[in-house]
């Protein structure tokens, strides 16, 4: 019984690690998409110091782009 439990934990751990890599790849792709658009581009230094630059319009546009593409928000068309 203990062997089966350990075996299942190893399988679940390996599966979880793979999912994390997939999610990281998706987020990197979304970031690059938002950076490639001049309207949503934000300098990487601004993003590294995010807490200091929350009111920056470049950062706001970039974060909106990422959150919409991830599915956290919906962007309303005006």
PDB file of N, CA and C in Angstrom:
ATOM      1  N   UNK A   1       0.821  -1.193   0.000  1.00  0.00           N
ATOM      2  CA  UNK A   1       0.000   0.000   0.000  1.00  0.00           C
ATOM      3  C   UNK A   1       0.869   1.264   0.000  1.00  0.00           C
ATOM      4  N   UNK A   2       1.916   1.259   0.825  1.00  0.00           N
ATOM      5  CA  UNK A   2       2.807   2.415   0.874  1.00  0.00           C
ATOM      6  C   UNK A   2       3.532   2.598  -0.458  1.00  0.00           C
ATOM      7  N   UNK A   3       3.889   1.489  -1.077  1.00  0.00           N
ATOM      8  CA  UNK A   3       4.586   1.556  -2.356  1.00  0.00           C
ATOM      9  C   UNK A   3       3.694   2.196  -3.419  1.00  0.00           C
ATOM     10  N   UNK A   4       2.429   1.808  -3.433  1.00  0.00           N
ATOM     11  CA  UNK A   4       1.494   2.377  -4.404  1.00  0.00           C
ATOM     12  C   UNK A   4       1.320   3.877  -4.164  1.00  0.00           C
ATOM     13  N   UNK A   5       1.260   4.274  -2.891  1.00  0.00           N
ATOM     14  CA  UNK A   5       1.113   5.689  -2.551  1.00  0.00           C
ATOM     15  C   UNK A   5       2.327   6.483  -3.020  1.00  0.00           C
ATOM     16  N   UNK A   6       3.522   5.970  -2.771  1.00  0.00           N
ATOM     17  CA  UNK A   6       4.750   6.646  -3.193  1.00  0.00           C
ATOM     18  C   UNK A   6       4.800   6.729  -4.716  1.00  0.00           C
ATOM     19  N   UNK A   7       4.442   5.656  -5.383  1.00  0.00           N
ATOM     20  CA  UNK A   7       4.430   5.630  -6.839  1.00  0.00           C
ATOM     21  C   UNK A   7       3.468   6.681  -7.400  1.00  0.00           C
ATOM     22  N   UNK A   8       2.278   6.782  -6.823  1.00  0.00           N
ATOM     23  CA  UNK A   8       1.302   7.777  -7.273  1.00  0.00           C
ATOM     24  C   UNK A   8       1.808   9.199  -7.025  1.00  0.00           C
ATOM     25  N   UNK A   9       2.473   9.421  -5.898  1.00  0.00           N
ATOM     26  CA  UNK A   9       3.025  10.748  -5.604  1.00  0.00           C
ATOM     27  C   UNK A   9       4.083  11.139  -6.629  1.00  0.00           C
ATOM     28  N   UNK A  10       4.913  10.197  -7.033  1.00  0.00           N
ATOM     29  CA  UNK A  10       5.948  10.468  -8.032  1.00  0.00           C
ATOM     30  C   UNK A  10       5.308  10.809  -9.375  1.00  0.00           C
ATOM     31  N   UNK A  11       4.294  10.065  -9.758  1.00  0.00           N
ATOM     32  CA  UNK A  11       3.610  10.322 -11.027  1.00  0.00           C
ATOM     33  C   UNK A  11       2.941  11.696 -11.004  1.00  0.00           C
ATOM     34  N   UNK A  12       2.250  12.010  -9.918  1.00  0.00           N
ATOM     35  CA  UNK A  12       1.580  13.309  -9.804  1.00  0.00           C
ATOM     36  C   UNK A  12       2.602  14.441  -9.804  1.00  0.00           C
ATOM     37  N   UNK A  13       3.722  14.252  -9.113  1.00  0.00           N
ATOM     38  CA  UNK A  13       4.775  15.272  -9.089  1.00  0.00           C
ATOM     39  C   UNK A  13       5.355  15.525 -10.469  1.00  0.00           C
ATOM     40  N   UNK A  14       5.591  14.466 -11.224  1.00  0.00           N
ATOM     41  CA  UNK A  14       6.132  14.618 -12.579  1.00  0.00           C
ATOM     42  C   UNK A  14       5.122  15.322 -13.485  1.00  0.00           C
ATOM     43  N   UNK A  15       3.859  14.982 -13.341  1.00  0.00           N
ATOM     44  CA  UNK A  15       2.807  15.613 -14.139  1.00  0.00           C
ATOM     45  C   UNK A  15       2.687  17.099 -13.800  1.00  0.00           C
ATOM     46  N   UNK A  16       2.753  17.432 -12.515  1.00  0.00           N
ATOM     47  CA  UNK A  16       2.648  18.831 -12.083  1.00  0.00           C
ATOM     48  C   UNK A  16       3.824  19.651 -12.606  1.00  0.00           C
ATOM     49  N   UNK A  17       5.020  19.089 -12.589  1.00  0.00           N
ATOM     50  CA  UNK A  17       6.194  19.807 -13.094  1.00  0.00           C
ATOM     51  C   UNK A  17       6.038  20.108 -14.580  1.00  0.00           C
ATOM     52  N   UNK A  18       5.493  19.168 -15.324  1.00  0.00           N
ATOM     53  CA  UNK A  18       5.266  19.367 -16.752  1.00  0.00           C
ATOM     54  C   UNK A  18       4.236  20.475 -16.990  1.00  0.00           C
ATOM     55  N   UNK A  19       3.177  20.501 -16.187  1.00  0.00           N
ATOM     56  CA  UNK A  19       2.167  21.547 -16.333  1.00  0.00           C
ATOM     57  C   UNK A  19       2.744  22.923 -16.044  1.00  0.00           C
ATOM     58  N   UNK A  20       3.627  23.018 -15.056  1.00  0.00           N
ATOM     59  CA  UNK A  20       4.247  24.299 -14.733  1.00  0.00           C
ATOM     60  C   UNK A  20       5.084  24.812 -15.902  1.00  0.00           C
ATOM     61  N   UNK A  21       5.809  23.922 -16.565  1.00  0.00           N
ATOM     62  CA  UNK A  21       6.605  24.326 -17.727  1.00  0.00           C
ATOM     63  C   UNK A  21       5.714  24.814 -18.862  1.00  0.00           C
ATOM     64  N   UNK A  22       4.598  24.136 -19.073  1.00  0.00           N
ATOM     65  CA  UNK A  22       3.664  24.532 -20.128  1.00  0.00           C
ATOM     66  C   UNK A  22       3.079  25.907 -19.823  1.00  0.00           C
ATOM     67  N   UNK A  23       2.664  26.133 -18.576  1.00  0.00           N
ATOM     68  CA  UNK A  23       2.100  27.430 -18.189  1.00  0.00           C
ATOM     69  C   UNK A  23       3.140  28.542 -18.314  1.00  0.00           C
ATOM     70  N   UNK A  24       4.372  28.257 -17.926  1.00  0.00           N
ATOM     71  CA  UNK A  24       5.438  29.253 -18.041  1.00  0.00           C
ATOM     72  C   UNK A  24       5.666  29.620 -19.505  1.00  0.00           C
ATOM     73  N   UNK A  25       5.637  28.632 -20.384  1.00  0.00           N
ATOM     74  CA  UNK A  25       5.808  28.881 -21.818  1.00  0.00           C
ATOM     75  C   UNK A  25       4.658  29.740 -22.354  1.00  0.00           C
ATOM     76  N   UNK A  26       3.418  29.436 -21.935  1.00  0.00           N
ATOM     77  CA  UNK A  26       2.260  30.219 -22.377  1.00  0.00           C
ATOM     78  C   UNK A  26       2.383  31.676 -21.929  1.00  0.00           C
ATOM     79  N   UNK A  27       2.772  31.884 -20.667  1.00  0.00           N
ATOM     80  CA  UNK A  27       2.899  33.249 -20.153  1.00  0.00           C
ATOM     81  C   UNK A  27       4.002  34.017 -20.871  1.00  0.00           C
ATOM     82  N   UNK A  28       5.098  33.340 -21.176  1.00  0.00           N
ATOM     83  CA  UNK A  28       6.183  33.999 -21.907  1.00  0.00           C
ATOM     84  C   UNK A  28       5.708  34.405 -23.306  1.00  0.00           C
ATOM     85  N   UNK A  29       4.950  33.524 -23.951  1.00  0.00           N
ATOM     86  CA  UNK A  29       4.420  33.813 -25.288  1.00  0.00           C
ATOM     87  C   UNK A  29       3.465  35.013 -25.238  1.00  0.00           C
ATOM     88  N   UNK A  30       2.600  35.062 -24.228  1.00  0.00           N
ATOM     89  CA  UNK A  30       1.671  36.181 -24.076  1.00  0.00           C
ATOM     90  C   UNK A  30       2.437  37.479 -23.840  1.00  0.00           C
ATOM     91  N   UNK A  31       3.462  37.429 -22.998  1.00  0.00           N
ATOM     92  CA  UNK A  31       4.279  38.613 -22.728  1.00  0.00           C
ATOM     93  C   UNK A  31       4.918  39.122 -24.021  1.00  0.00           C
ATOM     94  N   UNK A  32       5.467  38.212 -24.810  1.00  0.00           N
ATOM     95  CA  UNK A  32       6.105  38.612 -26.068  1.00  0.00           C
ATOM     96  C   UNK A  32       5.092  39.201 -27.054  1.00  0.00           C
ATOM     97  N   UNK A  33       3.871  38.646 -27.092  1.00  0.00           N
ATOM     98  CA  UNK A  33       2.824  39.200 -27.961  1.00  0.00           C
ATOM     99  C   UNK A  33       2.507  40.637 -27.573  1.00  0.00           C
ATOM    100  N   UNK A  34       2.368  40.879 -26.275  1.00  0.00           N
ATOM    101  CA  UNK A  34       2.046  42.229 -25.803  1.00  0.00           C
ATOM    102  C   UNK A  34       3.216  43.179 -26.034  1.00  0.00           C
ATOM    103  N   UNK A  35       4.434  42.691 -25.911  1.00  0.00           N
ATOM    104  CA  UNK A  35       5.601  43.534 -26.148  1.00  0.00           C
ATOM    105  C   UNK A  35       5.764  43.867 -27.633  1.00  0.00           C
ATOM    106  N   UNK A  36       5.287  43.004 -28.519  1.00  0.00           N
ATOM    107  CA  UNK A  36       5.460  43.241 -29.955  1.00  0.00           C
ATOM    108  C   UNK A  36       4.502  44.308 -30.491  1.00  0.00           C
ATOM    109  N   UNK A  37       3.450  44.610 -29.743  1.00  0.00           N
ATOM    110  CA  UNK A  37       2.492  45.632 -30.156  1.00  0.00           C
ATOM    111  C   UNK A  37       2.953  46.985 -29.600  1.00  0.00           C
ATOM    112  N   UNK A  38       3.180  47.985 -30.459  1.00  0.00           N
ATOM    113  CA  UNK A  38       3.640  49.294 -29.962  1.00  0.00           C
ATOM    114  C   UNK A  38       2.682  49.938 -28.958  1.00  0.00           C
ATOM    115  N   UNK A  39       1.397  49.644 -29.065  1.00  0.00           N
ATOM    116  CA  UNK A  39       0.420  50.237 -28.145  1.00  0.00           C
ATOM    117  C   UNK A  39       0.495  49.635 -26.748  1.00  0.00           C
ATOM    118  N   UNK A  40       0.997  48.399 -26.628  1.00  0.00           N
ATOM    119  CA  UNK A  40       1.050  47.733 -25.321  1.00  0.00           C
ATOM    120  C   UNK A  40       2.478  47.435 -24.882  1.00  0.00           C
ATOM    121  N   UNK A  41       3.457  47.974 -25.599  1.00  0.00           N
ATOM    122  CA  UNK A  41       4.858  47.765 -25.231  1.00  0.00           C
ATOM    123  C   UNK A  41       5.166  48.516 -23.939  1.00  0.00           C
ATOM    124  N   UNK A  42       5.925  47.862 -23.055  1.00  0.00           N
ATOM    125  CA  UNK A  42       6.411  48.513 -21.834  1.00  0.00           C
ATOM    126  C   UNK A  42       7.860  48.107 -21.638  1.00  0.00           C
ATOM    127  N   UNK A  43       8.694  49.070 -21.327  1.00  0.00           N
ATOM    128  CA  UNK A  43      10.108  48.806 -21.088  1.00  0.00           C
ATOM    129  C   UNK A  43      10.257  47.778 -19.966  1.00  0.00           C
ATOM    130  N   UNK A  44      11.185  46.838 -20.136  1.00  0.00           N
ATOM    131  CA  UNK A  44      11.372  45.777 -19.144  1.00  0.00           C
ATOM    132  C   UNK A  44      11.758  46.319 -17.775  1.00  0.00           C
ATOM    133  N   UNK A  45      12.479  47.427 -17.736  1.00  0.00           N
ATOM    134  CA  UNK A  45      12.842  48.024 -16.441  1.00  0.00           C
ATOM    135  C   UNK A  45      11.605  48.520 -15.699  1.00  0.00           C
ATOM    136  N   UNK A  46      10.630  49.037 -16.435  1.00  0.00           N
ATOM    137  CA  UNK A  46       9.380  49.461 -15.805  1.00  0.00           C
ATOM    138  C   UNK A  46       8.639  48.267 -15.217  1.00  0.00           C
ATOM    139  N   UNK A  47       8.679  47.145 -15.920  1.00  0.00           N
ATOM    140  CA  UNK A  47       7.983  45.951 -15.446  1.00  0.00           C
ATOM    141  C   UNK A  47       8.706  45.298 -14.277  1.00  0.00           C
ATOM    142  N   UNK A  48      10.035  45.395 -14.241  1.00  0.00           N
ATOM    143  CA  UNK A  48      10.786  44.821 -13.119  1.00  0.00           C
ATOM    144  C   UNK A  48      10.489  45.569 -11.830  1.00  0.00           C
ATOM    145  N   UNK A  49      10.300  46.882 -11.923  1.00  0.00           N
ATOM    146  CA  UNK A  49       9.955  47.706 -10.762  1.00  0.00           C
ATOM    147  C   UNK A  49       8.465  48.029 -10.805  1.00  0.00           C
ATOM    148  N   UNK A  50       7.660  46.998 -10.884  1.00  0.00           N
ATOM    149  CA  UNK A  50       6.229  47.159 -11.128  1.00  0.00           C
ATOM    150  C   UNK A  50       5.543  47.991 -10.049  1.00  0.00           C
ATOM    151  N   UNK A  51       5.861  47.758  -8.791  1.00  0.00           N
ATOM    152  CA  UNK A  51       5.172  48.476  -7.714  1.00  0.00           C
ATOM    153  C   UNK A  51       5.425  49.979  -7.776  1.00  0.00           C
ATOM    154  N   UNK A  52       6.562  50.379  -8.305  1.00  0.00           N
ATOM    155  CA  UNK A  52       6.882  51.802  -8.414  1.00  0.00           C
ATOM    156  C   UNK A  52       6.274  52.439  -9.665  1.00  0.00           C
ATOM    157  N   UNK A  53       5.830  51.615 -10.603  1.00  0.00           N
ATOM    158  CA  UNK A  53       5.373  52.131 -11.895  1.00  0.00           C
ATOM    159  C   UNK A  53       3.917  51.796 -12.203  1.00  0.00           C
ATOM    160  N   UNK A  54       3.121  51.554 -11.182  1.00  0.00           N
ATOM    161  CA  UNK A  54       1.731  51.165 -11.416  1.00  0.00           C
ATOM    162  C   UNK A  54       0.917  52.243 -12.121  1.00  0.00           C
ATOM    163  N   UNK A  55       1.267  53.501 -11.932  1.00  0.00           N
ATOM    164  CA  UNK A  55       0.518  54.589 -12.553  1.00  0.00           C
ATOM    165  C   UNK A  55       1.027  54.952 -13.947  1.00  0.00           C
ATOM    166  N   UNK A  56       2.052  54.274 -14.408  1.00  0.00           N
ATOM    167  CA  UNK A  56       2.611  54.544 -15.730  1.00  0.00           C
ATOM    168  C   UNK A  56       1.656  54.001 -16.795  1.00  0.00           C
ATOM    169  N   UNK A  57       1.250  54.823 -17.774  1.00  0.00           N
ATOM    170  CA  UNK A  57       0.310  54.352 -18.803  1.00  0.00           C
ATOM    171  C   UNK A  57       0.844  53.195 -19.645  1.00  0.00           C
ATOM    172  N   UNK A  58       2.167  53.157 -19.883  1.00  0.00           N
ATOM    173  CA  UNK A  58       2.753  52.032 -20.631  1.00  0.00           C
ATOM    174  C   UNK A  58       2.543  50.731 -19.871  1.00  0.00           C
ATOM    175  N   UNK A  59       2.808  50.765 -18.579  1.00  0.00           N
ATOM    176  CA  UNK A  59       2.665  49.567 -17.746  1.00  0.00           C
ATOM    177  C   UNK A  59       1.201  49.146 -17.690  1.00  0.00           C
ATOM    178  N   UNK A  60       0.298  50.110 -17.545  1.00  0.00           N
ATOM    179  CA  UNK A  60      -1.129  49.789 -17.496  1.00  0.00           C
ATOM    180  C   UNK A  60      -1.616  49.118 -18.766  1.00  0.00           C
ATOM    181  N   UNK A  61      -1.206  49.638 -19.909  1.00  0.00           N
ATOM    182  CA  UNK A  61      -1.617  49.046 -21.188  1.00  0.00           C
ATOM    183  C   UNK A  61      -1.059  47.638 -21.342  1.00  0.00           C
ATOM    184  N   UNK A  62       0.188  47.447 -20.922  1.00  0.00           N
ATOM    185  CA  UNK A  62       0.813  46.130 -21.029  1.00  0.00           C
ATOM    186  C   UNK A  62       0.125  45.124 -20.101  1.00  0.00           C
ATOM    187  N   UNK A  63      -0.142  45.538 -18.867  1.00  0.00           N
ATOM    188  CA  UNK A  63      -0.780  44.629 -17.915  1.00  0.00           C
ATOM    189  C   UNK A  63      -2.207  44.290 -18.347  1.00  0.00           C
ATOM    190  N   UNK A  64      -2.917  45.257 -18.931  1.00  0.00           N
ATOM    191  CA  UNK A  64      -4.253  44.975 -19.457  1.00  0.00           C
ATOM    192  C   UNK A  64      -4.168  43.959 -20.588  1.00  0.00           C
ATOM    193  N   UNK A  65      -3.214  44.141 -21.482  1.00  0.00           N
ATOM    194  CA  UNK A  65      -3.021  43.200 -22.593  1.00  0.00           C
ATOM    195  C   UNK A  65      -2.786  41.787 -22.065  1.00  0.00           C
ATOM    196  N   UNK A  66      -1.878  41.655 -21.092  1.00  0.00           N
ATOM    197  CA  UNK A  66      -1.577  40.327 -20.549  1.00  0.00           C
ATOM    198  C   UNK A  66      -2.781  39.723 -19.839  1.00  0.00           C
ATOM    199  N   UNK A  67      -3.476  40.514 -19.032  1.00  0.00           N
ATOM    200  CA  UNK A  67      -4.596  39.954 -18.277  1.00  0.00           C
ATOM    201  C   UNK A  67      -5.754  39.557 -19.190  1.00  0.00           C
ATOM    202  N   UNK A  68      -5.942  40.275 -20.291  1.00  0.00           N
ATOM    203  CA  UNK A  68      -6.984  39.899 -21.252  1.00  0.00           C
ATOM    204  C   UNK A  68      -6.595  38.604 -21.958  1.00  0.00           C
ATOM    205  N   UNK A  69      -5.348  38.498 -22.382  1.00  0.00           N
ATOM    206  CA  UNK A  69      -4.901  37.300 -23.104  1.00  0.00           C
ATOM    207  C   UNK A  69      -4.867  36.065 -22.205  1.00  0.00           C
ATOM    208  N   UNK A  70      -4.621  36.257 -20.910  1.00  0.00           N
ATOM    209  CA  UNK A  70      -4.635  35.134 -19.967  1.00  0.00           C
ATOM    210  C   UNK A  70      -6.070  34.711 -19.674  1.00  0.00           C
ATOM    211  N   UNK A  71      -7.003  35.661 -19.770  1.00  0.00           N
ATOM    212  CA  UNK A  71      -8.402  35.352 -19.514  1.00  0.00           C
ATOM    213  C   UNK A  71      -8.905  35.873 -18.183  1.00  0.00           C
ATOM    214  N   UNK A  72      -8.134  36.734 -17.531  1.00  0.00           N
ATOM    215  CA  UNK A  72      -8.554  37.286 -16.248  1.00  0.00           C
ATOM    216  C   UNK A  72      -9.548  38.429 -16.412  1.00  0.00           C
ATOM    217  N   UNK A  73      -9.481  39.127 -17.534  1.00  0.00           N
ATOM    218  CA  UNK A  73     -10.356  40.268 -17.793  1.00  0.00           C
ATOM    219  C   UNK A  73     -10.865  40.208 -19.223  1.00  0.00           C
ATOM    220  N   UNK A  74     -11.932  40.941 -19.456  1.00  0.00           N
ATOM    221  CA  UNK A  74     -12.436  41.125 -20.813  1.00  0.00           C
ATOM    222  C   UNK A  74     -12.298  42.592 -21.147  1.00  0.00           C
ATOM    223  N   UNK A  75     -11.805  42.878 -22.333  1.00  0.00           N
ATOM    224  CA  UNK A  75     -11.640  44.261 -22.758  1.00  0.00           C
ATOM    225  C   UNK A  75     -12.883  44.676 -23.526  1.00  0.00           C
ATOM    226  N   UNK A  76     -13.515  45.737 -23.059  1.00  0.00           N
ATOM    227  CA  UNK A  76     -14.727  46.227 -23.713  1.00  0.00           C
ATOM    228  C   UNK A  76     -14.347  47.108 -24.889  1.00  0.00           C
ATOM    229  N   UNK A  77     -15.018  46.917 -26.003  1.00  0.00           N
ATOM    230  CA  UNK A  77     -14.796  47.743 -27.189  1.00  0.00           C
ATOM    231  C   UNK A  77     -15.637  49.005 -27.063  1.00  0.00           C
ATOM    232  N   UNK A  78     -15.019  50.141 -27.323  1.00  0.00           N
ATOM    233  CA  UNK A  78     -15.739  51.421 -27.227  1.00  0.00           C
ATOM    234  C   UNK A  78     -15.998  51.945 -28.617  1.00  0.00           C
TER     235      UNK A  78
END
